[in-house]
Amino acid sequence: MYQNLYLNILEFGVNNIGNPITKEDLFKHLKIDFTKKDFNKFTIDNIFRRIYEQIEDVPAKYIITIDAYFQYLEHIRLEEARKDTKKAIIISIVAIIISIILAFIQILKC
């Protein structure tokens, strides 16, 4: 879970679009315990500031930025493209193998 911290923080914001969140909500979701010193609070705060913006009327409540939302959409599209690429590679390898087998069959018939 922690190896993709930026993505996890981003996904939490996308899943809560329309609902203002607090940093504590995020920390509970990520199950981060700062007493264990697993993470540097400065690093998480820095990521948080890049993804969220504070609501002016309500202190300590944040919403995801539009840029962060589009970053998430681009990430999803990239993951889907990678999956499609893997499928295409497998299909092309199978097609090449079939054509090689058919070529050997044609050579053996002659």
N, C-alpha and C. Protein backbone atom coordinates (compact mmCIF):
# COMPACT_ATOMS: atom_id res chain seq x y z
N MET A 1 0.82 -1.20 0.00
CA MET A 1 0.00 0.00 0.00
C MET A 1 0.86 1.25 0.00
N TYR A 2 1.97 1.24 0.72
CA TYR A 2 2.76 2.45 0.86
C TYR A 2 3.66 2.72 -0.33
N GLN A 3 3.90 1.74 -1.19
CA GLN A 3 4.80 1.99 -2.30
C GLN A 3 4.17 2.92 -3.33
N ASN A 4 2.88 3.04 -3.37
CA ASN A 4 2.19 3.95 -4.27
C ASN A 4 1.44 5.00 -3.47
N LEU A 5 2.15 5.66 -2.58
CA LEU A 5 1.52 6.61 -1.67
C LEU A 5 0.83 7.73 -2.43
N TYR A 6 1.50 8.29 -3.41
CA TYR A 6 0.91 9.40 -4.18
C TYR A 6 -0.39 8.95 -4.83
N LEU A 7 -0.36 7.78 -5.45
CA LEU A 7 -1.56 7.28 -6.11
C LEU A 7 -2.67 6.98 -5.11
N ASN A 8 -2.35 6.45 -3.95
CA ASN A 8 -3.37 6.17 -2.94
C ASN A 8 -4.01 7.45 -2.43
N ILE A 9 -3.20 8.48 -2.23
CA ILE A 9 -3.74 9.77 -1.78
C ILE A 9 -4.62 10.37 -2.88
N LEU A 10 -4.20 10.22 -4.11
CA LEU A 10 -4.97 10.73 -5.24
C LEU A 10 -6.30 9.98 -5.39
N GLU A 11 -6.26 8.66 -5.27
CA GLU A 11 -7.49 7.87 -5.38
C GLU A 11 -8.49 8.21 -4.28
N PHE A 12 -7.98 8.48 -3.09
CA PHE A 12 -8.87 8.85 -2.00
C PHE A 12 -9.63 10.13 -2.34
N GLY A 13 -8.93 11.09 -2.94
CA GLY A 13 -9.60 12.33 -3.35
C GLY A 13 -10.62 12.11 -4.44
N VAL A 14 -10.28 11.27 -5.41
CA VAL A 14 -11.21 11.00 -6.50
C VAL A 14 -12.45 10.28 -5.98
N ASN A 15 -12.26 9.36 -5.05
CA ASN A 15 -13.39 8.62 -4.49
C ASN A 15 -14.28 9.50 -3.61
N ASN A 16 -13.76 10.65 -3.18
CA ASN A 16 -14.54 11.55 -2.33
C ASN A 16 -14.84 12.87 -3.02
N ILE A 17 -14.97 12.85 -4.34
CA ILE A 17 -15.32 14.07 -5.07
C ILE A 17 -16.68 14.55 -4.59
N GLY A 18 -16.75 15.82 -4.29
CA GLY A 18 -18.00 16.41 -3.80
C GLY A 18 -18.12 16.38 -2.29
N ASN A 19 -17.25 15.63 -1.63
CA ASN A 19 -17.25 15.56 -0.17
C ASN A 19 -15.95 16.16 0.36
N PRO A 20 -16.02 17.27 1.05
CA PRO A 20 -14.79 17.82 1.63
C PRO A 20 -14.20 16.84 2.64
N ILE A 21 -12.87 16.75 2.64
CA ILE A 21 -12.20 15.82 3.55
C ILE A 21 -11.24 16.59 4.45
N THR A 22 -10.81 15.92 5.49
CA THR A 22 -9.77 16.47 6.36
C THR A 22 -8.52 15.60 6.21
N LYS A 23 -7.41 16.11 6.69
CA LYS A 23 -6.18 15.31 6.66
C LYS A 23 -6.34 14.06 7.51
N GLU A 24 -7.07 14.20 8.60
CA GLU A 24 -7.28 13.05 9.48
C GLU A 24 -8.05 11.94 8.77
N ASP A 25 -9.03 12.33 7.92
CA ASP A 25 -9.76 11.33 7.13
C ASP A 25 -8.80 10.55 6.24
N LEU A 26 -7.90 11.28 5.61
CA LEU A 26 -6.93 10.65 4.73
C LEU A 26 -6.01 9.71 5.51
N PHE A 27 -5.53 10.17 6.65
CA PHE A 27 -4.62 9.35 7.46
C PHE A 27 -5.31 8.07 7.95
N LYS A 28 -6.59 8.19 8.29
CA LYS A 28 -7.33 7.00 8.70
C LYS A 28 -7.48 6.03 7.54
N HIS A 29 -7.77 6.59 6.36
CA HIS A 29 -7.93 5.75 5.17
C HIS A 29 -6.62 5.02 4.84
N LEU A 30 -5.52 5.72 4.92
CA LEU A 30 -4.22 5.12 4.59
C LEU A 30 -3.65 4.28 5.73
N LYS A 31 -4.28 4.37 6.89
CA LYS A 31 -3.82 3.64 8.08
C LYS A 31 -2.38 4.00 8.41
N ILE A 32 -2.11 5.29 8.43
CA ILE A 32 -0.77 5.78 8.74
C ILE A 32 -0.69 6.11 10.21
N ASP A 33 0.31 5.58 10.85
CA ASP A 33 0.56 5.86 12.26
C ASP A 33 1.90 6.57 12.37
N PHE A 34 1.86 7.84 12.70
CA PHE A 34 3.09 8.62 12.76
C PHE A 34 3.95 8.29 13.97
N THR A 35 3.42 7.54 14.90
CA THR A 35 4.23 7.17 16.06
C THR A 35 5.28 6.12 15.69
N LYS A 36 5.03 5.36 14.63
CA LYS A 36 5.99 4.33 14.20
C LYS A 36 7.12 4.92 13.35
N LYS A 37 6.97 6.15 12.93
CA LYS A 37 7.96 6.84 12.09
C LYS A 37 8.22 6.09 10.79
N ASP A 38 7.17 5.47 10.25
CA ASP A 38 7.30 4.82 8.95
C ASP A 38 7.43 5.85 7.84
N PHE A 39 6.76 6.97 8.03
CA PHE A 39 6.74 8.00 7.01
C PHE A 39 7.09 9.34 7.60
N ASN A 40 7.64 10.13 6.77
CA ASN A 40 7.95 11.49 7.13
C ASN A 40 6.69 12.32 6.92
N LYS A 41 6.21 12.97 7.95
CA LYS A 41 5.00 13.77 7.84
C LYS A 41 5.15 14.88 6.81
N PHE A 42 6.35 15.40 6.69
CA PHE A 42 6.60 16.44 5.71
C PHE A 42 6.32 15.95 4.29
N THR A 43 6.72 14.72 3.99
CA THR A 43 6.50 14.15 2.65
C THR A 43 5.02 14.01 2.36
N ILE A 44 4.28 13.50 3.31
CA ILE A 44 2.84 13.31 3.11
C ILE A 44 2.14 14.66 3.00
N ASP A 45 2.53 15.63 3.82
CA ASP A 45 1.94 16.97 3.72
C ASP A 45 2.24 17.60 2.37
N ASN A 46 3.43 17.38 1.86
CA ASN A 46 3.80 17.92 0.55
C ASN A 46 2.94 17.31 -0.55
N ILE A 47 2.76 16.00 -0.52
CA ILE A 47 1.88 15.35 -1.50
C ILE A 47 0.45 15.86 -1.34
N PHE A 48 0.01 15.99 -0.10
CA PHE A 48 -1.35 16.45 0.17
C PHE A 48 -1.59 17.84 -0.43
N ARG A 49 -0.62 18.74 -0.26
CA ARG A 49 -0.77 20.11 -0.79
C ARG A 49 -0.79 20.14 -2.31
N ARG A 50 -0.15 19.17 -2.96
CA ARG A 50 -0.14 19.14 -4.42
C ARG A 50 -1.47 18.63 -4.98
N ILE A 51 -2.17 17.83 -4.21
CA ILE A 51 -3.40 17.20 -4.70
C ILE A 51 -4.66 17.93 -4.27
N TYR A 52 -4.65 18.49 -3.08
CA TYR A 52 -5.86 19.09 -2.51
C TYR A 52 -5.70 20.60 -2.35
N GLU A 53 -6.86 21.26 -2.34
CA GLU A 53 -6.88 22.68 -2.01
C GLU A 53 -7.91 22.91 -0.92
N GLN A 54 -7.60 23.87 -0.07
CA GLN A 54 -8.46 24.12 1.08
C GLN A 54 -9.70 24.89 0.64
N ILE A 55 -10.82 24.53 1.22
CA ILE A 55 -12.06 25.24 0.97
C ILE A 55 -12.00 26.54 1.75
N GLU A 56 -12.30 27.65 1.08
CA GLU A 56 -12.13 28.97 1.70
C GLU A 56 -13.04 29.19 2.89
N ASP A 57 -14.27 28.75 2.79
CA ASP A 57 -15.25 29.04 3.84
C ASP A 57 -15.12 28.11 5.05
N VAL A 58 -14.51 26.96 4.85
CA VAL A 58 -14.46 25.95 5.91
C VAL A 58 -12.99 25.63 6.22
N PRO A 59 -12.54 25.97 7.41
CA PRO A 59 -11.14 25.65 7.73
C PRO A 59 -10.94 24.14 7.93
N ALA A 60 -9.78 23.67 7.56
CA ALA A 60 -9.36 22.26 7.72
C ALA A 60 -10.16 21.29 6.86
N LYS A 61 -10.86 21.77 5.85
CA LYS A 61 -11.56 20.92 4.90
C LYS A 61 -10.96 21.14 3.52
N TYR A 62 -10.77 20.05 2.79
CA TYR A 62 -10.08 20.11 1.51
C TYR A 62 -10.86 19.38 0.44
N ILE A 63 -10.64 19.78 -0.81
CA ILE A 63 -11.20 19.08 -1.96
C ILE A 63 -10.06 18.84 -2.96
N ILE A 64 -10.25 17.87 -3.83
CA ILE A 64 -9.22 17.54 -4.82
C ILE A 64 -9.19 18.64 -5.88
N THR A 65 -8.00 18.95 -6.38
CA THR A 65 -7.87 19.96 -7.43
C THR A 65 -8.24 19.35 -8.78
N ILE A 66 -8.57 20.19 -9.71
CA ILE A 66 -8.91 19.72 -11.05
C ILE A 66 -7.70 19.07 -11.70
N ASP A 67 -6.53 19.67 -11.52
CA ASP A 67 -5.32 19.09 -12.10
C ASP A 67 -5.06 17.69 -11.56
N ALA A 68 -5.25 17.51 -10.27
CA ALA A 68 -5.03 16.20 -9.66
C ALA A 68 -6.04 15.18 -10.20
N TYR A 69 -7.27 15.63 -10.40
CA TYR A 69 -8.29 14.73 -10.94
C TYR A 69 -7.91 14.27 -12.34
N PHE A 70 -7.44 15.20 -13.17
CA PHE A 70 -7.04 14.83 -14.52
C PHE A 70 -5.77 13.97 -14.53
N GLN A 71 -4.89 14.17 -13.55
CA GLN A 71 -3.73 13.28 -13.41
C GLN A 71 -4.19 11.85 -13.16
N TYR A 72 -5.20 11.71 -12.32
CA TYR A 72 -5.73 10.38 -12.02
C TYR A 72 -6.35 9.75 -13.27
N LEU A 73 -7.11 10.55 -14.03
CA LEU A 73 -7.70 10.02 -15.25
C LEU A 73 -6.63 9.59 -16.25
N GLU A 74 -5.57 10.37 -16.37
CA GLU A 74 -4.47 10.00 -17.25
C GLU A 74 -3.80 8.71 -16.78
N HIS A 75 -3.67 8.56 -15.49
CA HIS A 75 -3.08 7.33 -14.94
C HIS A 75 -3.95 6.12 -15.30
N ILE A 76 -5.25 6.27 -15.15
CA ILE A 76 -6.18 5.17 -15.48
C ILE A 76 -6.07 4.82 -16.96
N ARG A 77 -6.03 5.84 -17.81
CA ARG A 77 -5.91 5.60 -19.25
C ARG A 77 -4.59 4.90 -19.58
N LEU A 78 -3.52 5.29 -18.91
CA LEU A 78 -2.22 4.67 -19.13
C LEU A 78 -2.24 3.21 -18.72
N GLU A 79 -2.86 2.90 -17.59
CA GLU A 79 -2.95 1.51 -17.13
C GLU A 79 -3.76 0.67 -18.11
N GLU A 80 -4.85 1.23 -18.63
CA GLU A 80 -5.67 0.49 -19.60
C GLU A 80 -4.88 0.27 -20.89
N ALA A 81 -4.12 1.27 -21.31
CA ALA A 81 -3.31 1.13 -22.53
C ALA A 81 -2.25 0.05 -22.35
N ARG A 82 -1.67 -0.02 -21.17
CA ARG A 82 -0.66 -1.05 -20.91
C ARG A 82 -1.28 -2.44 -20.98
N LYS A 83 -2.47 -2.60 -20.41
CA LYS A 83 -3.15 -3.90 -20.47
C LYS A 83 -3.46 -4.27 -21.91
N ASP A 84 -3.96 -3.29 -22.69
CA ASP A 84 -4.29 -3.56 -24.08
C ASP A 84 -3.04 -3.90 -24.89
N THR A 85 -1.93 -3.26 -24.57
CA THR A 85 -0.68 -3.55 -25.26
C THR A 85 -0.22 -4.97 -24.98
N LYS A 86 -0.33 -5.40 -23.74
CA LYS A 86 0.06 -6.77 -23.40
C LYS A 86 -0.80 -7.78 -24.15
N LYS A 87 -2.11 -7.51 -24.23
CA LYS A 87 -2.99 -8.40 -24.96
C LYS A 87 -2.61 -8.45 -26.43
N ALA A 88 -2.32 -7.30 -27.02
CA ALA A 88 -1.95 -7.24 -28.43
C ALA A 88 -0.65 -7.99 -28.70
N ILE A 89 0.30 -7.89 -27.79
CA ILE A 89 1.57 -8.61 -27.97
C ILE A 89 1.34 -10.11 -27.94
N ILE A 90 0.52 -10.57 -27.00
CA ILE A 90 0.23 -12.00 -26.91
C ILE A 90 -0.47 -12.49 -28.17
N ILE A 91 -1.43 -11.73 -28.66
CA ILE A 91 -2.15 -12.13 -29.88
C ILE A 91 -1.20 -12.17 -31.07
N SER A 92 -0.31 -11.19 -31.17
CA SER A 92 0.62 -11.17 -32.31
C SER A 92 1.60 -12.34 -32.24
N ILE A 93 2.05 -12.69 -31.04
CA ILE A 93 2.95 -13.85 -30.89
C ILE A 93 2.25 -15.13 -31.32
N VAL A 94 1.00 -15.28 -30.90
CA VAL A 94 0.23 -16.47 -31.29
C VAL A 94 0.05 -16.50 -32.80
N ALA A 95 -0.23 -15.36 -33.41
CA ALA A 95 -0.40 -15.31 -34.87
C ALA A 95 0.89 -15.67 -35.59
N ILE A 96 2.02 -15.20 -35.08
CA ILE A 96 3.31 -15.53 -35.69
C ILE A 96 3.59 -17.03 -35.58
N ILE A 97 3.31 -17.60 -34.42
CA ILE A 97 3.52 -19.04 -34.24
C ILE A 97 2.64 -19.84 -35.19
N ILE A 98 1.39 -19.43 -35.33
CA ILE A 98 0.48 -20.13 -36.24
C ILE A 98 0.99 -20.03 -37.68
N SER A 99 1.46 -18.85 -38.07
CA SER A 99 1.95 -18.70 -39.44
C SER A 99 3.22 -19.52 -39.68
N ILE A 100 4.09 -19.64 -38.68
CA ILE A 100 5.29 -20.48 -38.82
C ILE A 100 4.90 -21.94 -38.96
N ILE A 101 3.96 -22.39 -38.17
CA ILE A 101 3.49 -23.78 -38.26
C ILE A 101 2.89 -24.05 -39.63
N LEU A 102 2.07 -23.12 -40.11
CA LEU A 102 1.46 -23.30 -41.43
C LEU A 102 2.51 -23.29 -42.54
N ALA A 103 3.54 -22.47 -42.37
CA ALA A 103 4.62 -22.44 -43.37
C ALA A 103 5.35 -23.78 -43.40
N PHE A 104 5.63 -24.37 -42.23
CA PHE A 104 6.28 -25.69 -42.18
C PHE A 104 5.40 -26.76 -42.79
N ILE A 105 4.11 -26.68 -42.57
CA ILE A 105 3.19 -27.66 -43.17
C ILE A 105 3.22 -27.55 -44.68
N GLN A 106 3.25 -26.33 -45.20
CA GLN A 106 3.30 -26.14 -46.66
C GLN A 106 4.62 -26.66 -47.23
N ILE A 107 5.72 -26.44 -46.50
CA ILE A 107 7.02 -26.94 -46.98
C ILE A 107 7.03 -28.45 -46.99
N LEU A 108 6.47 -29.10 -45.96
CA LEU A 108 6.47 -30.55 -45.87
C LEU A 108 5.56 -31.20 -46.93
N LYS A 109 4.52 -30.50 -47.37
CA LYS A 109 3.62 -31.04 -48.40
C LYS A 109 4.30 -31.10 -49.76
N CYS A 110 5.24 -30.21 -49.97
CA CYS A 110 5.90 -30.17 -51.30
C CYS A 110 6.91 -31.20 -51.44
